[in-house]
Amino acid sequence: MKKPQEPAPGDGIRSLKTSNVFRVVNFELYAKPNRIIMTIGLCAMAGSLAYIAYMRHKYEGMGYYVAVSDNGEESFVKKKSRWD
């Protein structure tokens, strides 16, 4: 007869007895962290945020601002002077 494994420190919820359905639905609780994939995802998120910040800075430098219309739609509108 096979002796049940002793839970090791840091196993957390992996050491509990659960059904296969629970393991499939909550996969992220049982998967070990993958640093390479995590780094790629972090770089992608940082790149996306940097691009959004760059584009916003670019449009603000050109004299545009975000305007909200009556129906709630946002759009970039060129700033106008009262003298124009």
PDB file of N, CA and C in Angstrom:
ATOM      1  N   MET A   1       0.837  -1.173   0.000  1.00  0.00           N
ATOM      2  CA  MET A   1       0.000   0.000   0.000  1.00  0.00           C
ATOM      3  C   MET A   1       0.885   1.241   0.000  1.00  0.00           C
ATOM      4  N   LYS A   2       0.481   2.231  -0.792  1.00  0.00           N
ATOM      5  CA  LYS A   2       1.267   3.443  -0.948  1.00  0.00           C
ATOM      6  C   LYS A   2       0.988   4.407   0.207  1.00  0.00           C
ATOM      7  N   LYS A   3       2.051   4.915   0.783  1.00  0.00           N
ATOM      8  CA  LYS A   3       1.930   5.849   1.888  1.00  0.00           C
ATOM      9  C   LYS A   3       1.680   7.253   1.314  1.00  0.00           C
ATOM     10  N   PRO A   4       0.696   8.026   1.851  1.00  0.00           N
ATOM     11  CA  PRO A   4       0.452   9.370   1.330  1.00  0.00           C
ATOM     12  C   PRO A   4       1.654  10.278   1.568  1.00  0.00           C
ATOM     13  N   GLN A   5       1.904  11.139   0.615  1.00  0.00           N
ATOM     14  CA  GLN A   5       3.050  12.039   0.712  1.00  0.00           C
ATOM     15  C   GLN A   5       2.799  13.092   1.789  1.00  0.00           C
ATOM     16  N   GLU A   6       3.854  13.422   2.493  1.00  0.00           N
ATOM     17  CA  GLU A   6       3.781  14.477   3.495  1.00  0.00           C
ATOM     18  C   GLU A   6       3.833  15.826   2.764  1.00  0.00           C
ATOM     19  N   PRO A   7       2.972  16.746   3.141  1.00  0.00           N
ATOM     20  CA  PRO A   7       3.042  18.057   2.491  1.00  0.00           C
ATOM     21  C   PRO A   7       4.340  18.778   2.847  1.00  0.00           C
ATOM     22  N   ALA A   8       4.979  19.315   1.841  1.00  0.00           N
ATOM     23  CA  ALA A   8       6.224  20.054   2.033  1.00  0.00           C
ATOM     24  C   ALA A   8       5.902  21.521   2.303  1.00  0.00           C
ATOM     25  N   PRO A   9       6.766  22.218   3.005  1.00  0.00           N
ATOM     26  CA  PRO A   9       6.519  23.646   3.226  1.00  0.00           C
ATOM     27  C   PRO A   9       6.446  24.389   1.893  1.00  0.00           C
ATOM     28  N   GLY A  10       5.450  25.236   1.762  1.00  0.00           N
ATOM     29  CA  GLY A  10       5.275  26.003   0.531  1.00  0.00           C
ATOM     30  C   GLY A  10       4.343  25.350  -0.465  1.00  0.00           C
ATOM     31  N   ASP A  11       3.848  24.147  -0.181  1.00  0.00           N
ATOM     32  CA  ASP A  11       2.924  23.479  -1.104  1.00  0.00           C
ATOM     33  C   ASP A  11       1.563  24.169  -1.128  1.00  0.00           C
ATOM     34  N   GLY A  12       1.141  24.703  -0.004  1.00  0.00           N
ATOM     35  CA  GLY A  12      -0.132  25.417   0.061  1.00  0.00           C
ATOM     36  C   GLY A  12      -1.301  24.522  -0.284  1.00  0.00           C
ATOM     37  N   ILE A  13      -2.150  24.970  -1.211  1.00  0.00           N
ATOM     38  CA  ILE A  13      -3.367  24.237  -1.554  1.00  0.00           C
ATOM     39  C   ILE A  13      -3.054  22.964  -2.338  1.00  0.00           C
ATOM     40  N   ARG A  14      -1.853  22.855  -2.905  1.00  0.00           N
ATOM     41  CA  ARG A  14      -1.488  21.647  -3.647  1.00  0.00           C
ATOM     42  C   ARG A  14      -1.469  20.419  -2.752  1.00  0.00           C
ATOM     43  N   SER A  15      -1.272  20.618  -1.451  1.00  0.00           N
ATOM     44  CA  SER A  15      -1.184  19.476  -0.549  1.00  0.00           C
ATOM     45  C   SER A  15      -2.561  18.953  -0.139  1.00  0.00           C
ATOM     46  N   LEU A  16      -3.624  19.695  -0.404  1.00  0.00           N
ATOM     47  CA  LEU A  16      -4.973  19.258  -0.038  1.00  0.00           C
ATOM     48  C   LEU A  16      -5.508  18.249  -1.038  1.00  0.00           C
ATOM     49  N   LYS A  17      -6.424  17.420  -0.572  1.00  0.00           N
ATOM     50  CA  LYS A  17      -7.083  16.455  -1.455  1.00  0.00           C
ATOM     51  C   LYS A  17      -8.255  17.152  -2.133  1.00  0.00           C
ATOM     52  N   THR A  18      -8.230  17.250  -3.457  1.00  0.00           N
ATOM     53  CA  THR A  18      -9.302  17.907  -4.202  1.00  0.00           C
ATOM     54  C   THR A  18      -9.690  17.051  -5.394  1.00  0.00           C
ATOM     55  N   SER A  19     -10.831  17.410  -6.003  1.00  0.00           N
ATOM     56  CA  SER A  19     -11.281  16.665  -7.175  1.00  0.00           C
ATOM     57  C   SER A  19     -10.560  17.185  -8.419  1.00  0.00           C
ATOM     58  N   ASN A  20     -10.598  16.378  -9.476  1.00  0.00           N
ATOM     59  CA  ASN A  20      -9.967  16.768 -10.735  1.00  0.00           C
ATOM     60  C   ASN A  20     -10.660  17.977 -11.354  1.00  0.00           C
ATOM     61  N   VAL A  21     -11.963  18.094 -11.153  1.00  0.00           N
ATOM     62  CA  VAL A  21     -12.707  19.234 -11.703  1.00  0.00           C
ATOM     63  C   VAL A  21     -12.197  20.528 -11.058  1.00  0.00           C
ATOM     64  N   PHE A  22     -11.994  20.506  -9.742  1.00  0.00           N
ATOM     65  CA  PHE A  22     -11.474  21.676  -9.045  1.00  0.00           C
ATOM     66  C   PHE A  22     -10.091  22.034  -9.556  1.00  0.00           C
ATOM     67  N   ARG A  23      -9.272  21.043  -9.821  1.00  0.00           N
ATOM     68  CA  ARG A  23      -7.923  21.294 -10.327  1.00  0.00           C
ATOM     69  C   ARG A  23      -7.952  21.887 -11.733  1.00  0.00           C
ATOM     70  N   VAL A  24      -8.884  21.450 -12.570  1.00  0.00           N
ATOM     71  CA  VAL A  24      -8.981  21.985 -13.934  1.00  0.00           C
ATOM     72  C   VAL A  24      -9.511  23.416 -13.914  1.00  0.00           C
ATOM     73  N   VAL A  25     -10.532  23.674 -13.106  1.00  0.00           N
ATOM     74  CA  VAL A  25     -11.134  25.004 -13.056  1.00  0.00           C
ATOM     75  C   VAL A  25     -10.175  26.016 -12.436  1.00  0.00           C
ATOM     76  N   ASN A  26      -9.399  25.600 -11.444  1.00  0.00           N
ATOM     77  CA  ASN A  26      -8.477  26.495 -10.746  1.00  0.00           C
ATOM     78  C   ASN A  26      -7.030  26.104 -11.049  1.00  0.00           C
ATOM     79  N   PHE A  27      -6.709  26.059 -12.310  1.00  0.00           N
ATOM     80  CA  PHE A  27      -5.387  25.610 -12.751  1.00  0.00           C
ATOM     81  C   PHE A  27      -4.265  26.455 -12.164  1.00  0.00           C
ATOM     82  N   GLU A  28      -4.492  27.781 -12.067  1.00  0.00           N
ATOM     83  CA  GLU A  28      -3.424  28.672 -11.614  1.00  0.00           C
ATOM     84  C   GLU A  28      -3.008  28.419 -10.165  1.00  0.00           C
ATOM     85  N   LEU A  29      -3.857  27.742  -9.387  1.00  0.00           N
ATOM     86  CA  LEU A  29      -3.491  27.418  -8.008  1.00  0.00           C
ATOM     87  C   LEU A  29      -2.484  26.271  -7.945  1.00  0.00           C
ATOM     88  N   TYR A  30      -2.447  25.437  -8.974  1.00  0.00           N
ATOM     89  CA  TYR A  30      -1.602  24.256  -8.962  1.00  0.00           C
ATOM     90  C   TYR A  30      -0.377  24.379  -9.861  1.00  0.00           C
ATOM     91  N   ALA A  31      -0.388  25.324 -10.777  1.00  0.00           N
ATOM     92  CA  ALA A  31       0.750  25.494 -11.686  1.00  0.00           C
ATOM     93  C   ALA A  31       1.875  26.222 -10.963  1.00  0.00           C
ATOM     94  N   LYS A  32       3.085  25.789 -11.205  1.00  0.00           N
ATOM     95  CA  LYS A  32       4.237  26.465 -10.615  1.00  0.00           C
ATOM     96  C   LYS A  32       4.544  27.701 -11.463  1.00  0.00           C
ATOM     97  N   PRO A  33       4.958  28.800 -10.837  1.00  0.00           N
ATOM     98  CA  PRO A  33       5.248  30.016 -11.597  1.00  0.00           C
ATOM     99  C   PRO A  33       6.387  29.813 -12.586  1.00  0.00           C
ATOM    100  N   ASN A  34       6.214  30.356 -13.775  1.00  0.00           N
ATOM    101  CA  ASN A  34       7.226  30.274 -14.821  1.00  0.00           C
ATOM    102  C   ASN A  34       7.801  31.682 -15.003  1.00  0.00           C
ATOM    103  N   ARG A  35       9.031  31.877 -14.571  1.00  0.00           N
ATOM    104  CA  ARG A  35       9.637  33.217 -14.576  1.00  0.00           C
ATOM    105  C   ARG A  35       9.829  33.759 -15.993  1.00  0.00           C
ATOM    106  N   ILE A  36      10.092  32.911 -16.951  1.00  0.00           N
ATOM    107  CA  ILE A  36      10.307  33.377 -18.330  1.00  0.00           C
ATOM    108  C   ILE A  36       9.011  33.955 -18.895  1.00  0.00           C
ATOM    109  N   ILE A  37       7.923  33.234 -18.757  1.00  0.00           N
ATOM    110  CA  ILE A  37       6.628  33.703 -19.254  1.00  0.00           C
ATOM    111  C   ILE A  37       6.194  34.952 -18.496  1.00  0.00           C
ATOM    112  N   MET A  38       6.445  34.979 -17.189  1.00  0.00           N
ATOM    113  CA  MET A  38       6.094  36.136 -16.381  1.00  0.00           C
ATOM    114  C   MET A  38       6.875  37.368 -16.846  1.00  0.00           C
ATOM    115  N   THR A  39       8.142  37.206 -17.189  1.00  0.00           N
ATOM    116  CA  THR A  39       8.974  38.309 -17.664  1.00  0.00           C
ATOM    117  C   THR A  39       8.491  38.808 -19.013  1.00  0.00           C
ATOM    118  N   ILE A  40       8.138  37.890 -19.911  1.00  0.00           N
ATOM    119  CA  ILE A  40       7.623  38.281 -21.228  1.00  0.00           C
ATOM    120  C   ILE A  40       6.318  39.061 -21.071  1.00  0.00           C
ATOM    121  N   GLY A  41       5.438  38.599 -20.214  1.00  0.00           N
ATOM    122  CA  GLY A  41       4.171  39.293 -19.973  1.00  0.00           C
ATOM    123  C   GLY A  41       4.382  40.668 -19.368  1.00  0.00           C
ATOM    124  N   LEU A  42       5.319  40.768 -18.421  1.00  0.00           N
ATOM    125  CA  LEU A  42       5.614  42.056 -17.796  1.00  0.00           C
ATOM    126  C   LEU A  42       6.185  43.033 -18.816  1.00  0.00           C
ATOM    127  N   CYS A  43       7.056  42.557 -19.688  1.00  0.00           N
ATOM    128  CA  CYS A  43       7.619  43.416 -20.743  1.00  0.00           C
ATOM    129  C   CYS A  43       6.524  43.870 -21.719  1.00  0.00           C
ATOM    130  N   ALA A  44       5.613  42.986 -22.057  1.00  0.00           N
ATOM    131  CA  ALA A  44       4.523  43.341 -22.967  1.00  0.00           C
ATOM    132  C   ALA A  44       3.612  44.393 -22.332  1.00  0.00           C
ATOM    133  N   MET A  45       3.287  44.229 -21.052  1.00  0.00           N
ATOM    134  CA  MET A  45       2.441  45.209 -20.361  1.00  0.00           C
ATOM    135  C   MET A  45       3.150  46.560 -20.269  1.00  0.00           C
ATOM    136  N   ALA A  46       4.430  46.547 -19.904  1.00  0.00           N
ATOM    137  CA  ALA A  46       5.189  47.791 -19.785  1.00  0.00           C
ATOM    138  C   ALA A  46       5.300  48.476 -21.145  1.00  0.00           C
ATOM    139  N   GLY A  47       5.522  47.705 -22.204  1.00  0.00           N
ATOM    140  CA  GLY A  47       5.593  48.274 -23.548  1.00  0.00           C
ATOM    141  C   GLY A  47       4.282  48.902 -23.974  1.00  0.00           C
ATOM    142  N   SER A  48       3.176  48.252 -23.661  1.00  0.00           N
ATOM    143  CA  SER A  48       1.858  48.786 -24.006  1.00  0.00           C
ATOM    144  C   SER A  48       1.584  50.093 -23.265  1.00  0.00           C
ATOM    145  N   LEU A  49       1.891  50.110 -21.970  1.00  0.00           N
ATOM    146  CA  LEU A  49       1.678  51.327 -21.191  1.00  0.00           C
ATOM    147  C   LEU A  49       2.586  52.466 -21.669  1.00  0.00           C
ATOM    148  N   ALA A  50       3.817  52.135 -22.013  1.00  0.00           N
ATOM    149  CA  ALA A  50       4.740  53.154 -22.513  1.00  0.00           C
ATOM    150  C   ALA A  50       4.242  53.720 -23.848  1.00  0.00           C
ATOM    151  N   TYR A  51       3.717  52.871 -24.720  1.00  0.00           N
ATOM    152  CA  TYR A  51       3.199  53.331 -26.008  1.00  0.00           C
ATOM    153  C   TYR A  51       1.991  54.244 -25.814  1.00  0.00           C
ATOM    154  N   ILE A  52       1.095  53.883 -24.907  1.00  0.00           N
ATOM    155  CA  ILE A  52      -0.080  54.714 -24.631  1.00  0.00           C
ATOM    156  C   ILE A  52       0.351  56.066 -24.078  1.00  0.00           C
ATOM    157  N   ALA A  53       1.315  56.060 -23.148  1.00  0.00           N
ATOM    158  CA  ALA A  53       1.810  57.319 -22.579  1.00  0.00           C
ATOM    159  C   ALA A  53       2.479  58.173 -23.656  1.00  0.00           C
ATOM    160  N   TYR A  54       3.245  57.546 -24.543  1.00  0.00           N
ATOM    161  CA  TYR A  54       3.909  58.273 -25.626  1.00  0.00           C
ATOM    162  C   TYR A  54       2.883  58.913 -26.561  1.00  0.00           C
ATOM    163  N   MET A  55       1.874  58.157 -26.955  1.00  0.00           N
ATOM    164  CA  MET A  55       0.863  58.688 -27.871  1.00  0.00           C
ATOM    165  C   MET A  55       0.077  59.821 -27.216  1.00  0.00           C
ATOM    166  N   ARG A  56      -0.221  59.683 -25.944  1.00  0.00           N
ATOM    167  CA  ARG A  56      -0.949  60.741 -25.241  1.00  0.00           C
ATOM    168  C   ARG A  56      -0.094  62.015 -25.178  1.00  0.00           C
ATOM    169  N   HIS A  57       1.178  61.844 -24.857  1.00  0.00           N
ATOM    170  CA  HIS A  57       2.085  62.999 -24.797  1.00  0.00           C
ATOM    171  C   HIS A  57       2.225  63.651 -26.174  1.00  0.00           C
ATOM    172  N   LYS A  58       2.281  62.839 -27.210  1.00  0.00           N
ATOM    173  CA  LYS A  58       2.416  63.343 -28.580  1.00  0.00           C
ATOM    174  C   LYS A  58       1.204  64.195 -28.970  1.00  0.00           C
ATOM    175  N   TYR A  59      -0.008  63.686 -28.694  1.00  0.00           N
ATOM    176  CA  TYR A  59      -1.210  64.429 -29.064  1.00  0.00           C
ATOM    177  C   TYR A  59      -1.378  65.686 -28.228  1.00  0.00           C
ATOM    178  N   GLU A  60      -1.017  65.628 -26.939  1.00  0.00           N
ATOM    179  CA  GLU A  60      -1.111  66.825 -26.105  1.00  0.00           C
ATOM    180  C   GLU A  60      -0.115  67.879 -26.569  1.00  0.00           C
ATOM    181  N   GLY A  61       1.052  67.448 -27.028  1.00  0.00           N
ATOM    182  CA  GLY A  61       2.044  68.378 -27.557  1.00  0.00           C
ATOM    183  C   GLY A  61       1.591  69.040 -28.847  1.00  0.00           C
ATOM    184  N   MET A  62       0.745  68.369 -29.607  1.00  0.00           N
ATOM    185  CA  MET A  62       0.236  68.927 -30.862  1.00  0.00           C
ATOM    186  C   MET A  62      -0.947  69.854 -30.614  1.00  0.00           C
ATOM    187  N   GLY A  63      -1.417  69.946 -29.380  1.00  0.00           N
ATOM    188  CA  GLY A  63      -2.523  70.848 -29.073  1.00  0.00           C
ATOM    189  C   GLY A  63      -3.876  70.169 -29.035  1.00  0.00           C
ATOM    190  N   TYR A  64      -3.918  68.869 -28.847  1.00  0.00           N
ATOM    191  CA  TYR A  64      -5.182  68.143 -28.753  1.00  0.00           C
ATOM    192  C   TYR A  64      -5.521  67.871 -27.290  1.00  0.00           C
ATOM    193  N   TYR A  65      -6.803  67.701 -26.996  1.00  0.00           N
ATOM    194  CA  TYR A  65      -7.240  67.284 -25.677  1.00  0.00           C
ATOM    195  C   TYR A  65      -8.412  66.311 -25.831  1.00  0.00           C
ATOM    196  N   VAL A  66      -8.694  65.566 -24.781  1.00  0.00           N
ATOM    197  CA  VAL A  66      -9.785  64.593 -24.833  1.00  0.00           C
ATOM    198  C   VAL A  66     -11.088  65.314 -24.527  1.00  0.00           C
ATOM    199  N   ALA A  67     -12.052  65.218 -25.433  1.00  0.00           N
ATOM    200  CA  ALA A  67     -13.365  65.822 -25.240  1.00  0.00           C
ATOM    201  C   ALA A  67     -14.405  64.714 -25.174  1.00  0.00           C
ATOM    202  N   VAL A  68     -15.383  64.889 -24.290  1.00  0.00           N
ATOM    203  CA  VAL A  68     -16.472  63.919 -24.141  1.00  0.00           C
ATOM    204  C   VAL A  68     -17.725  64.548 -24.724  1.00  0.00           C
ATOM    205  N   SER A  69     -18.347  63.854 -25.684  1.00  0.00           N
ATOM    206  CA  SER A  69     -19.544  64.387 -26.330  1.00  0.00           C
ATOM    207  C   SER A  69     -20.778  64.112 -25.469  1.00  0.00           C
ATOM    208  N   ASP A  70     -21.933  64.575 -25.940  1.00  0.00           N
ATOM    209  CA  ASP A  70     -23.179  64.416 -25.187  1.00  0.00           C
ATOM    210  C   ASP A  70     -23.561  62.953 -24.990  1.00  0.00           C
ATOM    211  N   ASN A  71     -23.215  62.094 -25.944  1.00  0.00           N
ATOM    212  CA  ASN A  71     -23.575  60.677 -25.830  1.00  0.00           C
ATOM    213  C   ASN A  71     -22.508  59.857 -25.109  1.00  0.00           C
ATOM    214  N   GLY A  72     -21.487  60.518 -24.525  1.00  0.00           N
ATOM    215  CA  GLY A  72     -20.481  59.821 -23.735  1.00  0.00           C
ATOM    216  C   GLY A  72     -19.288  59.327 -24.535  1.00  0.00           C
ATOM    217  N   GLU A  73     -19.193  59.687 -25.788  1.00  0.00           N
ATOM    218  CA  GLU A  73     -18.097  59.246 -26.646  1.00  0.00           C
ATOM    219  C   GLU A  73     -16.895  60.165 -26.464  1.00  0.00           C
ATOM    220  N   GLU A  74     -15.709  59.591 -26.306  1.00  0.00           N
ATOM    221  CA  GLU A  74     -14.489  60.378 -26.136  1.00  0.00           C
ATOM    222  C   GLU A  74     -13.774  60.524 -27.472  1.00  0.00           C
ATOM    223  N   SER A  75     -13.225  61.713 -27.717  1.00  0.00           N
ATOM    224  CA  SER A  75     -12.467  61.934 -28.946  1.00  0.00           C
ATOM    225  C   SER A  75     -11.426  63.024 -28.694  1.00  0.00           C
ATOM    226  N   PHE A  76     -10.354  63.035 -29.514  1.00  0.00           N
ATOM    227  CA  PHE A  76      -9.329  64.065 -29.427  1.00  0.00           C
ATOM    228  C   PHE A  76      -9.769  65.245 -30.287  1.00  0.00           C
ATOM    229  N   VAL A  77      -9.756  66.427 -29.693  1.00  0.00           N
ATOM    230  CA  VAL A  77     -10.183  67.639 -30.379  1.00  0.00           C
ATOM    231  C   VAL A  77      -9.050  68.651 -30.293  1.00  0.00           C
ATOM    232  N   LYS A  78      -8.806  69.347 -31.400  1.00  0.00           N
ATOM    233  CA  LYS A  78      -7.759  70.376 -31.429  1.00  0.00           C
ATOM    234  C   LYS A  78      -8.213  71.567 -30.590  1.00  0.00           C
ATOM    235  N   LYS A  79      -7.299  72.077 -29.755  1.00  0.00           N
ATOM    236  CA  LYS A  79      -7.616  73.257 -28.933  1.00  0.00           C
ATOM    237  C   LYS A  79      -7.804  74.457 -29.837  1.00  0.00           C
ATOM    238  N   LYS A  80      -8.835  75.242 -29.515  1.00  0.00           N
ATOM    239  CA  LYS A  80      -9.131  76.439 -30.311  1.00  0.00           C
ATOM    240  C   LYS A  80      -9.049  77.663 -29.419  1.00  0.00           C
ATOM    241  N   SER A  81      -8.578  78.727 -29.988  1.00  0.00           N
ATOM    242  CA  SER A  81      -8.513  79.996 -29.289  1.00  0.00           C
ATOM    243  C   SER A  81      -9.823  80.743 -29.528  1.00  0.00           C
ATOM    244  N   ARG A  82     -10.180  81.591 -28.612  1.00  0.00           N
ATOM    245  CA  ARG A  82     -11.401  82.406 -28.837  1.00  0.00           C
ATOM    246  C   ARG A  82     -11.182  83.420 -29.956  1.00  0.00           C
ATOM    247  N   TRP A  83      -9.934  83.651 -30.303  1.00  0.00           N
ATOM    248  CA  TRP A  83      -9.628  84.613 -31.357  1.00  0.00           C
ATOM    249  C   TRP A  83      -9.774  83.997 -32.739  1.00  0.00           C
ATOM    250  N   ASP A  84      -9.841  82.656 -32.823  1.00  0.00           N
ATOM    251  CA  ASP A  84      -9.951  81.996 -34.138  1.00  0.00           C
ATOM    252  C   ASP A  84     -11.374  81.998 -34.626  1.00  0.00           C
TER     253      ASP A  84
END
